[in-house]
Amino acid sequence: MIICDTHCDVLYMRAFQPENEPVVTFENMQAGGISLQTCTLFSGVGEVVKRPYEVGMKEYREFRRLVEEENWVQADSPLQAEEGKVKAMLSMEGGEILEGSPDRVEEFFRYGVRMIALTWNRENEIGTPAKLSPKGGIKKTGWDILRVMAELHMAADTSHLNEAGFWDLIDRHPQPPMASHSCVRTLCDHFRNLRDEQIRAMIDRGGWIGINFYPAFLSESGQADANRIAEHIDYICQMGGEKHVGFGSDFDGIEVTPVDVRTPAEVPNILAALRKRGYSEKALADIAGLNFIEYYKRLGWN
């Protein structure tokens, strides 16, 4: 079975928090049968936010070190995912790394970035995050950046983006957007989660949603397990999104994990929870990774 995870922050942790031990390791990915791990270039917190491009480049150099010295394998797109082989693909979290330049989109595309979360928790040249306000759509510079992204078949990631920006993408962006690491707001009323009408719009547009493993997004109690992750996935499936949902762990970017999904090695526990709910092996294969691959085919990859 091909298993894809569409978000983790291991590169930021390795580059800027070397005192911490990452859970996204080659050994853990191999143990969990992870075929494709998406590793983001994160714009950063604290003082580093003053130089977002430099932050992104430091993380990219760490990724190159992992490839050159620790035998990580870079994937050019999800279509290169293979069962039994661990590969990593690059993304970006926080479009401020681009510093308002459409040319930077092409630069990071050359590095292998294949999706961009347009905002993190700060307003930037592209748009406004959900954390700040639901109002304020995609800005003029944002549309210039999105035009280049569409030409390059890069995914526009709505995780962290506010509602006005989300609906701008649904209504005006030529490519179907996605949410790399978001959950269901009906099941957990958090500003980072997607409302039912947003989920329906994603499904109708041919988008994709990766369920985040952060307990605070999964349950208002702040506690979660594999079954709770399965509940969020099942909710989207019951809305008709069985071909539009998968995993977006946020490993190494979350300080708390579900009790039985602490590392990539335990991702199969989610599949076991879905299997107990009656999901067929074909449906499990779709959710585990094939849905994400098909999404990229809709973006124009072949």
Protein backbone atom coordinates (compact mmCIF):
# COMPACT_ATOMS: atom_id res chain seq x y z
CA MET A 1 0.00 0.00 0.00
CA ILE A 2 1.23 3.49 -0.86
CA ILE A 3 1.00 5.84 2.14
CA CYS A 4 1.39 9.60 1.66
CA ASP A 5 1.66 12.27 4.36
CA THR A 6 1.27 15.83 3.11
CA HIS A 7 2.80 17.87 5.93
CA CYS A 8 5.59 17.73 8.47
CA ASP A 9 8.01 20.30 9.95
CA VAL A 10 11.11 18.15 10.31
CA LEU A 11 13.27 20.51 8.24
CA TYR A 12 12.53 23.48 10.50
CA MET A 13 13.20 21.37 13.58
CA ARG A 14 16.49 20.11 12.20
CA ALA A 15 17.62 23.54 11.02
CA PHE A 16 16.46 25.72 13.93
CA GLN A 17 15.70 23.41 16.88
CA PRO A 18 18.61 20.96 16.91
CA GLU A 19 18.07 20.34 20.63
CA ASN A 20 14.84 18.51 19.79
CA GLU A 21 14.64 14.94 18.52
CA PRO A 22 12.51 14.70 15.37
CA VAL A 23 9.98 11.90 14.97
CA VAL A 24 10.19 12.09 11.18
CA THR A 25 13.21 9.89 10.65
CA PHE A 26 14.00 7.49 7.86
CA GLU A 27 13.64 4.60 10.29
CA ASN A 28 10.19 5.68 11.51
CA MET A 29 8.95 6.32 7.98
CA GLN A 30 10.19 2.92 6.88
CA ALA A 31 8.59 1.22 9.89
CA GLY A 32 5.23 2.86 9.10
CA GLY A 33 5.36 2.05 5.42
CA ILE A 34 5.41 5.73 4.45
CA SER A 35 5.93 6.01 0.69
CA LEU A 36 5.88 9.80 0.40
CA GLN A 37 6.58 12.26 3.20
CA THR A 38 5.98 15.90 2.32
CA CYS A 39 8.48 18.10 4.17
CA THR A 40 7.68 21.79 4.36
CA LEU A 41 9.92 24.82 4.25
CA PHE A 42 8.36 26.74 7.14
CA SER A 43 8.63 30.53 7.41
CA GLY A 44 9.46 30.28 11.10
CA VAL A 45 8.67 31.81 14.48
CA GLY A 46 10.46 34.28 16.75
CA GLU A 47 13.29 36.39 15.40
CA VAL A 48 13.75 34.33 12.25
CA VAL A 49 10.48 35.66 10.80
CA LYS A 50 12.33 38.86 9.88
CA ARG A 51 14.22 36.98 7.16
CA PRO A 52 11.77 34.41 5.74
CA TYR A 53 13.66 33.72 2.49
CA GLU A 54 16.85 32.95 4.42
CA VAL A 55 14.86 30.68 6.74
CA GLY A 56 13.45 28.74 3.80
CA MET A 57 16.87 28.40 2.20
CA LYS A 58 18.46 27.12 5.41
CA GLU A 59 15.78 24.43 5.59
CA TYR A 60 16.30 23.59 1.94
CA ARG A 61 20.04 23.13 2.56
CA GLU A 62 19.17 20.79 5.43
CA PHE A 63 16.99 18.80 3.04
CA ARG A 64 19.85 18.57 0.55
CA ARG A 65 22.09 17.30 3.37
CA LEU A 66 19.58 14.58 4.19
CA VAL A 67 19.53 13.54 0.54
CA GLU A 68 23.28 13.64 0.08
CA GLU A 69 24.44 12.32 3.46
CA GLU A 70 21.59 10.28 4.94
CA ASN A 71 20.25 8.63 1.79
CA TRP A 72 16.85 10.33 1.73
CA VAL A 73 15.30 10.19 -1.75
CA GLN A 74 13.63 13.26 -3.21
CA ALA A 75 10.40 12.78 -5.17
CA ASP A 76 9.60 15.15 -8.02
CA SER A 77 5.86 14.63 -7.50
CA PRO A 78 3.47 12.28 -5.68
CA LEU A 79 3.30 10.19 -8.85
CA GLN A 80 6.78 8.89 -7.97
CA ALA A 81 5.55 7.34 -4.71
CA GLU A 82 6.20 3.59 -4.58
CA GLU A 83 5.13 0.95 -2.11
CA GLY A 84 8.05 -0.21 0.01
CA LYS A 85 10.25 2.82 -0.75
CA VAL A 86 10.55 5.98 1.35
CA LYS A 87 10.66 9.25 -0.58
CA ALA A 88 10.29 12.90 0.41
CA MET A 89 8.76 15.83 -1.44
CA LEU A 90 9.10 19.52 -0.63
CA SER A 91 6.36 22.03 0.17
CA MET A 92 6.27 25.55 1.61
CA GLU A 93 4.35 26.83 4.65
CA GLY A 94 4.02 30.60 4.70
CA GLY A 95 4.18 32.39 1.37
CA GLU A 96 6.21 35.19 2.95
CA ILE A 97 9.25 33.07 2.06
CA LEU A 98 8.63 34.25 -1.51
CA GLU A 99 8.87 37.88 -0.30
CA GLY A 100 6.20 38.96 -2.77
CA SER A 101 8.14 37.80 -5.83
CA PRO A 102 6.50 35.58 -8.49
CA ASP A 103 10.02 34.81 -9.72
CA ARG A 104 10.72 33.13 -6.39
CA VAL A 105 7.92 30.65 -7.18
CA GLU A 106 9.94 29.43 -10.15
CA GLU A 107 13.10 29.32 -8.01
CA PHE A 108 11.54 27.10 -5.37
CA PHE A 109 9.88 24.99 -8.03
CA ARG A 110 13.39 24.22 -9.33
CA TYR A 111 14.30 23.10 -5.80
CA GLY A 112 11.37 20.66 -5.87
CA VAL A 113 8.63 22.55 -3.99
CA ARG A 114 5.30 21.26 -5.29
CA MET A 115 2.76 22.96 -3.01
CA ILE A 116 2.59 26.25 -1.15
CA ALA A 117 0.53 26.98 1.96
CA LEU A 118 -0.17 30.61 1.09
CA THR A 119 -0.09 31.82 4.69
CA TRP A 120 0.94 30.58 8.07
CA ASN A 121 -0.33 32.57 11.08
CA ARG A 122 0.86 35.96 9.81
CA GLU A 123 -0.53 38.23 7.12
CA ASN A 124 1.77 38.43 4.13
CA GLU A 125 1.87 39.68 0.54
CA ILE A 126 -0.52 36.90 -0.57
CA GLY A 127 -3.31 36.90 1.96
CA THR A 128 -4.55 36.81 5.56
CA PRO A 129 -4.46 33.80 7.90
CA ALA A 130 -7.49 32.33 9.64
CA LYS A 131 -5.86 33.16 12.98
CA LEU A 132 -6.16 36.90 12.35
CA SER A 133 -9.45 37.44 10.53
CA PRO A 134 -11.95 35.65 8.26
CA LYS A 135 -12.05 38.78 6.11
CA GLY A 136 -9.64 39.99 3.44
CA GLY A 137 -9.22 37.89 0.32
CA ILE A 138 -6.27 37.12 -1.91
CA LYS A 139 -4.21 40.23 -2.60
CA LYS A 140 -3.03 41.47 -6.01
CA THR A 141 0.48 40.14 -5.45
CA GLY A 142 -1.09 36.89 -4.31
CA TRP A 143 -2.88 36.49 -7.62
CA ASP A 144 0.39 37.13 -9.47
CA ILE A 145 2.01 34.37 -7.43
CA LEU A 146 -0.93 32.02 -7.90
CA ARG A 147 -0.83 32.54 -11.67
CA VAL A 148 2.76 31.28 -11.77
CA MET A 149 1.88 28.40 -9.45
CA ALA A 150 -0.94 27.33 -11.79
CA GLU A 151 1.39 27.47 -14.79
CA LEU A 152 3.80 25.16 -12.94
CA HIS A 153 1.00 22.86 -11.67
CA MET A 154 1.85 23.64 -8.05
CA ALA A 155 -0.87 23.03 -5.46
CA ALA A 156 -2.39 26.03 -3.67
CA ASP A 157 -2.65 24.95 -0.03
CA THR A 158 -5.42 26.57 2.02
CA SER A 159 -4.35 25.28 5.44
CA HIS A 160 -3.95 28.40 7.64
CA LEU A 161 -5.63 30.64 5.02
CA ASN A 162 -8.71 32.59 6.09
CA GLU A 163 -12.21 32.00 4.76
CA ALA A 164 -12.23 34.95 2.35
CA GLY A 165 -9.01 33.73 0.78
CA PHE A 166 -10.32 30.17 0.66
CA TRP A 167 -13.42 31.20 -1.27
CA ASP A 168 -11.35 33.34 -3.62
CA LEU A 169 -9.39 30.21 -4.54
CA ILE A 170 -12.55 28.14 -4.96
CA ASP A 171 -14.18 30.77 -7.15
CA ARG A 172 -11.27 32.19 -9.14
CA HIS A 173 -8.20 29.96 -9.11
CA PRO A 174 -7.98 27.73 -12.23
CA GLN A 175 -6.55 24.79 -10.29
CA PRO A 176 -8.36 22.88 -7.53
CA PRO A 177 -6.94 23.92 -4.15
CA MET A 178 -6.08 21.58 -1.29
CA ALA A 179 -5.62 21.66 2.47
CA SER A 180 -2.46 19.83 3.47
CA HIS A 181 -3.13 19.63 7.22
CA SER A 182 -6.63 20.59 8.33
CA CYS A 183 -9.54 18.94 10.16
CA VAL A 184 -13.34 19.07 10.33
CA ARG A 185 -14.81 22.06 12.16
CA THR A 186 -18.12 20.31 12.91
CA LEU A 187 -16.19 17.75 14.96
CA CYS A 188 -13.86 20.29 16.60
CA ASP A 189 -14.73 23.98 16.53
CA HIS A 190 -11.29 25.47 15.91
CA PHE A 191 -10.55 28.35 13.53
CA ARG A 192 -7.98 26.20 11.74
CA ASN A 193 -10.57 23.62 10.75
CA LEU A 194 -12.80 23.49 7.67
CA ARG A 195 -16.52 24.16 7.77
CA ASP A 196 -18.88 21.74 6.02
CA GLU A 197 -19.46 24.16 3.15
CA GLN A 198 -15.71 24.43 2.62
CA ILE A 199 -15.35 20.65 2.57
CA ARG A 200 -18.19 20.36 0.02
CA ALA A 201 -16.53 23.03 -2.13
CA MET A 202 -13.21 21.16 -2.01
CA ILE A 203 -14.95 17.98 -3.11
CA ASP A 204 -16.87 19.73 -5.89
CA ARG A 205 -13.72 21.44 -7.21
CA GLY A 206 -11.68 18.24 -7.18
CA GLY A 207 -9.49 19.33 -4.27
CA TRP A 208 -7.94 17.30 -1.47
CA ILE A 209 -7.82 17.43 2.35
CA GLY A 210 -5.13 15.96 4.60
CA ILE A 211 -6.37 15.37 8.15
CA ASN A 212 -4.08 16.93 10.74
CA PHE A 213 -3.02 14.73 13.69
CA TYR A 214 -2.86 17.59 16.22
CA PRO A 215 -5.19 16.68 19.11
CA ALA A 216 -6.29 20.31 19.58
CA PHE A 217 -7.68 20.26 16.02
CA LEU A 218 -9.20 16.79 16.39
CA SER A 219 -11.03 17.14 19.68
CA GLU A 220 -12.12 20.01 21.89
CA SER A 221 -10.84 18.03 24.85
CA GLY A 222 -7.32 18.26 23.42
CA GLN A 223 -7.01 14.48 23.52
CA ALA A 224 -7.08 12.16 20.52
CA ASP A 225 -6.17 8.74 19.20
CA ALA A 226 -6.16 6.90 15.88
CA ASN A 227 -9.91 6.38 16.10
CA ARG A 228 -10.49 10.12 16.42
CA ILE A 229 -8.40 10.73 13.27
CA ALA A 230 -10.48 8.03 11.56
CA GLU A 231 -13.64 9.85 12.68
CA HIS A 232 -12.57 13.04 10.87
CA ILE A 233 -11.69 11.05 7.74
CA ASP A 234 -14.99 9.17 7.91
CA TYR A 235 -16.92 12.44 8.26
CA ILE A 236 -15.47 13.70 4.97
CA CYS A 237 -16.10 10.34 3.31
CA GLN A 238 -19.74 10.44 4.41
CA MET A 239 -20.00 13.83 2.69
CA GLY A 240 -18.92 12.21 -0.57
CA GLY A 241 -15.21 12.93 -0.15
CA GLU A 242 -13.89 9.36 -0.07
CA LYS A 243 -11.67 10.24 -3.06
CA HIS A 244 -10.57 13.59 -1.62
CA VAL A 245 -9.13 12.85 1.82
CA GLY A 246 -5.95 11.46 3.36
CA PHE A 247 -3.21 12.18 5.91
CA GLY A 248 -1.53 15.49 6.80
CA SER A 249 0.18 14.66 10.07
CA ASP A 250 1.98 17.90 11.03
CA PHE A 251 4.60 15.73 12.76
CA ASP A 252 7.50 17.73 14.25
CA GLY A 253 5.30 20.82 14.10
CA ILE A 254 2.98 19.74 16.92
CA GLU A 255 4.03 19.50 20.55
CA VAL A 256 1.36 16.88 21.36
CA THR A 257 0.39 13.82 19.32
CA PRO A 258 -2.45 11.30 19.47
CA VAL A 259 -1.70 8.66 22.09
CA ASP A 260 -1.24 5.89 19.54
CA VAL A 261 -0.02 7.87 16.51
CA ARG A 262 3.12 9.42 17.93
CA THR A 263 5.44 8.91 14.96
CA PRO A 264 5.19 7.89 11.29
CA ALA A 265 5.77 4.31 12.44
CA GLU A 266 2.27 4.32 13.99
CA VAL A 267 0.33 5.72 11.00
CA PRO A 268 -0.94 2.18 10.21
CA ASN A 269 -2.99 2.43 13.43
CA ILE A 270 -5.25 4.89 11.59
CA LEU A 271 -5.81 2.38 8.80
CA ALA A 272 -6.65 -0.25 11.42
CA ALA A 273 -9.22 2.12 12.96
CA LEU A 274 -10.80 2.72 9.55
CA ARG A 275 -10.81 -1.02 8.86
CA LYS A 276 -12.81 -1.55 12.06
CA ARG A 277 -15.33 0.96 10.73
CA GLY A 278 -15.88 -1.29 7.71
CA TYR A 279 -13.68 0.37 5.12
CA SER A 280 -12.58 -1.96 2.32
CA GLU A 281 -8.95 -2.48 1.41
CA LYS A 282 -9.55 -0.53 -1.80
CA ALA A 283 -10.98 2.41 0.14
CA LEU A 284 -8.06 2.24 2.58
CA ALA A 285 -5.56 2.32 -0.29
CA ASP A 286 -7.29 5.41 -1.69
CA ILE A 287 -7.22 7.24 1.63
CA ALA A 288 -3.68 6.16 2.45
CA GLY A 289 -2.15 7.60 -0.70
CA LEU A 290 -3.90 7.07 -4.02
CA ASN A 291 -6.28 9.99 -3.48
CA PHE A 292 -3.32 12.35 -3.15
CA ILE A 293 -1.71 10.98 -6.30
CA GLU A 294 -4.97 11.39 -8.24
CA TYR A 295 -5.24 14.97 -6.99
CA TYR A 296 -1.89 15.77 -8.55
CA LYS A 297 -3.03 14.22 -11.79
CA ARG A 298 -5.92 16.69 -11.74
CA LEU A 299 -3.33 19.45 -11.35
CA GLY A 300 -1.72 18.30 -14.58
CA TRP A 301 1.04 15.91 -13.46
CA ASN A 302 1.50 12.67 -15.41
